């Protein structure tokens, strides 16, 4: 895992913690992916979106937006 991979996952997990603490646990993953895409312009929005969905799923949270 590269430093960039770790940074992206740290940011996604931080957002997941915020979302988890402010239940109900539903997030618009498309909007979040677009926002994170500004900090990670070399990543595709789809890649970020998939990672968000994966982290949310592991934490038992829901996200929507395609």
N, C-alpha and C. Protein backbone atom coordinates (compact mmCIF):
# COMPACT_ATOMS: atom_id res chain seq x y z
N UNK A 1 0.85 -1.17 0.00
CA UNK A 1 0.00 0.00 0.00
C UNK A 1 0.90 1.24 0.00
N UNK A 2 0.61 2.15 -0.87
CA UNK A 2 1.41 3.36 -0.98
C UNK A 2 0.97 4.38 0.07
N UNK A 3 1.79 5.40 0.23
CA UNK A 3 1.45 6.49 1.14
C UNK A 3 0.14 7.15 0.73
N UNK A 4 -0.05 7.30 -0.59
CA UNK A 4 -1.28 7.90 -1.09
C UNK A 4 -2.49 7.02 -0.75
N UNK A 5 -2.35 5.71 -0.90
CA UNK A 5 -3.43 4.78 -0.53
C UNK A 5 -3.78 4.95 0.95
N UNK A 6 -2.75 5.01 1.79
CA UNK A 6 -2.98 5.16 3.23
C UNK A 6 -3.67 6.49 3.54
N UNK A 7 -3.23 7.57 2.91
CA UNK A 7 -3.84 8.88 3.13
C UNK A 7 -5.31 8.88 2.74
N UNK A 8 -5.61 8.28 1.57
CA UNK A 8 -7.00 8.23 1.12
C UNK A 8 -7.85 7.44 2.10
N UNK A 9 -7.36 6.30 2.54
CA UNK A 9 -8.14 5.48 3.47
C UNK A 9 -8.29 6.17 4.82
N UNK A 10 -7.28 6.91 5.28
CA UNK A 10 -7.40 7.66 6.52
C UNK A 10 -8.52 8.68 6.40
N UNK A 11 -8.57 9.38 5.27
CA UNK A 11 -9.62 10.37 5.06
C UNK A 11 -11.01 9.73 5.00
N UNK A 12 -11.13 8.62 4.28
CA UNK A 12 -12.42 7.93 4.17
C UNK A 12 -12.86 7.41 5.53
N UNK A 13 -11.93 6.84 6.30
CA UNK A 13 -12.28 6.32 7.62
C UNK A 13 -12.66 7.45 8.58
N UNK A 14 -12.02 8.59 8.44
CA UNK A 14 -12.39 9.74 9.27
C UNK A 14 -13.82 10.17 8.96
N UNK A 15 -14.17 10.20 7.67
CA UNK A 15 -15.54 10.55 7.29
C UNK A 15 -16.52 9.50 7.80
N UNK A 16 -16.12 8.24 7.78
CA UNK A 16 -16.98 7.16 8.28
C UNK A 16 -17.22 7.32 9.78
N UNK A 17 -16.18 7.69 10.52
CA UNK A 17 -16.34 7.92 11.96
C UNK A 17 -17.34 9.05 12.21
N UNK A 18 -17.19 10.13 11.46
CA UNK A 18 -18.12 11.27 11.61
C UNK A 18 -19.55 10.82 11.30
N UNK A 19 -19.72 10.10 10.21
CA UNK A 19 -21.05 9.63 9.83
C UNK A 19 -21.61 8.66 10.87
N UNK A 20 -20.76 7.77 11.38
CA UNK A 20 -21.20 6.80 12.38
C UNK A 20 -21.68 7.48 13.65
N UNK A 21 -20.97 8.53 14.03
CA UNK A 21 -21.32 9.24 15.26
C UNK A 21 -22.55 10.12 15.10
N UNK A 22 -22.93 10.45 13.88
CA UNK A 22 -24.08 11.32 13.65
C UNK A 22 -25.20 10.54 12.96
N UNK A 23 -25.60 9.46 13.58
CA UNK A 23 -26.65 8.62 13.02
C UNK A 23 -27.91 9.40 12.75
N UNK A 24 -28.78 9.07 11.81
CA UNK A 24 -28.81 7.83 11.06
C UNK A 24 -27.62 7.71 10.11
N UNK A 25 -27.23 6.48 9.91
CA UNK A 25 -26.00 6.18 9.22
C UNK A 25 -26.19 6.07 7.70
N UNK A 26 -26.61 7.14 7.07
CA UNK A 26 -26.79 7.15 5.62
C UNK A 26 -25.99 8.31 5.06
N UNK A 27 -25.23 8.04 4.02
CA UNK A 27 -24.37 9.05 3.40
C UNK A 27 -24.51 8.99 1.90
N UNK A 28 -24.42 10.15 1.25
CA UNK A 28 -24.39 10.20 -0.20
C UNK A 28 -22.95 10.01 -0.64
N UNK A 29 -22.62 8.81 -1.07
CA UNK A 29 -21.24 8.46 -1.43
C UNK A 29 -20.76 9.22 -2.65
N UNK A 30 -21.64 9.57 -3.56
CA UNK A 30 -21.23 10.30 -4.76
C UNK A 30 -20.73 11.70 -4.41
N UNK A 31 -21.46 12.36 -3.52
CA UNK A 31 -21.05 13.70 -3.11
C UNK A 31 -19.72 13.63 -2.35
N UNK A 32 -19.60 12.65 -1.47
CA UNK A 32 -18.35 12.51 -0.71
C UNK A 32 -17.18 12.18 -1.63
N UNK A 33 -17.41 11.31 -2.62
CA UNK A 33 -16.35 10.95 -3.56
C UNK A 33 -15.90 12.17 -4.35
N UNK A 34 -16.85 13.00 -4.76
CA UNK A 34 -16.50 14.22 -5.49
C UNK A 34 -15.68 15.15 -4.61
N UNK A 35 -16.06 15.28 -3.35
CA UNK A 35 -15.33 16.15 -2.43
C UNK A 35 -13.91 15.62 -2.20
N UNK A 36 -13.78 14.32 -1.96
CA UNK A 36 -12.45 13.74 -1.75
C UNK A 36 -11.63 13.78 -3.03
N UNK A 37 -12.30 13.74 -4.17
CA UNK A 37 -11.60 13.80 -5.45
C UNK A 37 -10.81 15.09 -5.62
N UNK A 38 -11.22 16.15 -4.94
CA UNK A 38 -10.48 17.41 -5.00
C UNK A 38 -9.13 17.30 -4.31
N UNK A 39 -9.04 16.47 -3.28
CA UNK A 39 -7.78 16.24 -2.59
C UNK A 39 -6.96 15.12 -3.22
N UNK A 40 -7.61 14.29 -4.02
CA UNK A 40 -6.95 13.16 -4.69
C UNK A 40 -7.31 13.19 -6.17
N UNK A 41 -6.89 14.25 -6.90
CA UNK A 41 -7.29 14.41 -8.30
C UNK A 41 -6.77 13.32 -9.24
N UNK A 42 -5.75 12.61 -8.82
CA UNK A 42 -5.20 11.54 -9.63
C UNK A 42 -5.97 10.23 -9.47
N UNK A 43 -6.98 10.23 -8.59
CA UNK A 43 -7.85 9.06 -8.39
C UNK A 43 -9.16 9.31 -9.11
N UNK A 44 -9.75 8.25 -9.65
CA UNK A 44 -11.05 8.43 -10.30
C UNK A 44 -12.14 8.50 -9.23
N UNK A 45 -13.19 9.22 -9.56
CA UNK A 45 -14.32 9.32 -8.64
C UNK A 45 -14.90 7.94 -8.36
N UNK A 46 -14.90 7.07 -9.37
CA UNK A 46 -15.44 5.72 -9.20
C UNK A 46 -14.60 4.92 -8.20
N UNK A 47 -13.27 5.04 -8.29
CA UNK A 47 -12.40 4.33 -7.35
C UNK A 47 -12.67 4.78 -5.92
N UNK A 48 -12.76 6.09 -5.72
CA UNK A 48 -13.03 6.63 -4.39
C UNK A 48 -14.41 6.19 -3.92
N UNK A 49 -15.39 6.25 -4.82
CA UNK A 49 -16.76 5.85 -4.50
C UNK A 49 -16.79 4.40 -4.02
N UNK A 50 -16.10 3.51 -4.72
CA UNK A 50 -16.08 2.10 -4.34
C UNK A 50 -15.43 1.90 -2.97
N UNK A 51 -14.36 2.63 -2.70
CA UNK A 51 -13.71 2.53 -1.39
C UNK A 51 -14.63 3.02 -0.28
N UNK A 52 -15.34 4.10 -0.53
CA UNK A 52 -16.30 4.61 0.46
C UNK A 52 -17.35 3.55 0.75
N UNK A 53 -17.93 2.97 -0.30
CA UNK A 53 -18.97 1.95 -0.12
C UNK A 53 -18.43 0.76 0.68
N UNK A 54 -17.19 0.38 0.41
CA UNK A 54 -16.58 -0.74 1.12
C UNK A 54 -16.42 -0.44 2.60
N UNK A 55 -15.89 0.73 2.93
CA UNK A 55 -15.69 1.10 4.33
C UNK A 55 -17.02 1.21 5.05
N UNK A 56 -18.00 1.84 4.40
CA UNK A 56 -19.32 1.99 5.02
C UNK A 56 -19.94 0.61 5.29
N UNK A 57 -19.83 -0.29 4.31
CA UNK A 57 -20.40 -1.64 4.45
C UNK A 57 -19.79 -2.36 5.65
N UNK A 58 -18.47 -2.30 5.79
CA UNK A 58 -17.77 -2.96 6.90
C UNK A 58 -18.28 -2.43 8.23
N UNK A 59 -18.58 -1.14 8.27
CA UNK A 59 -19.05 -0.51 9.52
C UNK A 59 -20.55 -0.63 9.72
N UNK A 60 -21.23 -1.33 8.81
CA UNK A 60 -22.67 -1.52 8.95
C UNK A 60 -23.48 -0.28 8.68
N UNK A 61 -22.93 0.61 7.86
CA UNK A 61 -23.63 1.86 7.55
C UNK A 61 -24.12 1.82 6.10
N UNK A 62 -25.05 2.70 5.79
CA UNK A 62 -25.62 2.75 4.46
C UNK A 62 -25.12 3.98 3.71
N UNK A 63 -24.91 3.82 2.42
CA UNK A 63 -24.60 4.97 1.58
C UNK A 63 -25.38 4.81 0.28
N UNK A 64 -25.68 5.93 -0.34
CA UNK A 64 -26.40 5.91 -1.60
C UNK A 64 -25.70 6.87 -2.54
N UNK A 65 -26.17 6.90 -3.77
CA UNK A 65 -25.59 7.78 -4.77
C UNK A 65 -24.70 6.98 -5.72
N UNK A 66 -24.98 7.11 -6.96
CA UNK A 66 -24.21 6.37 -7.97
C UNK A 66 -23.53 7.31 -8.91
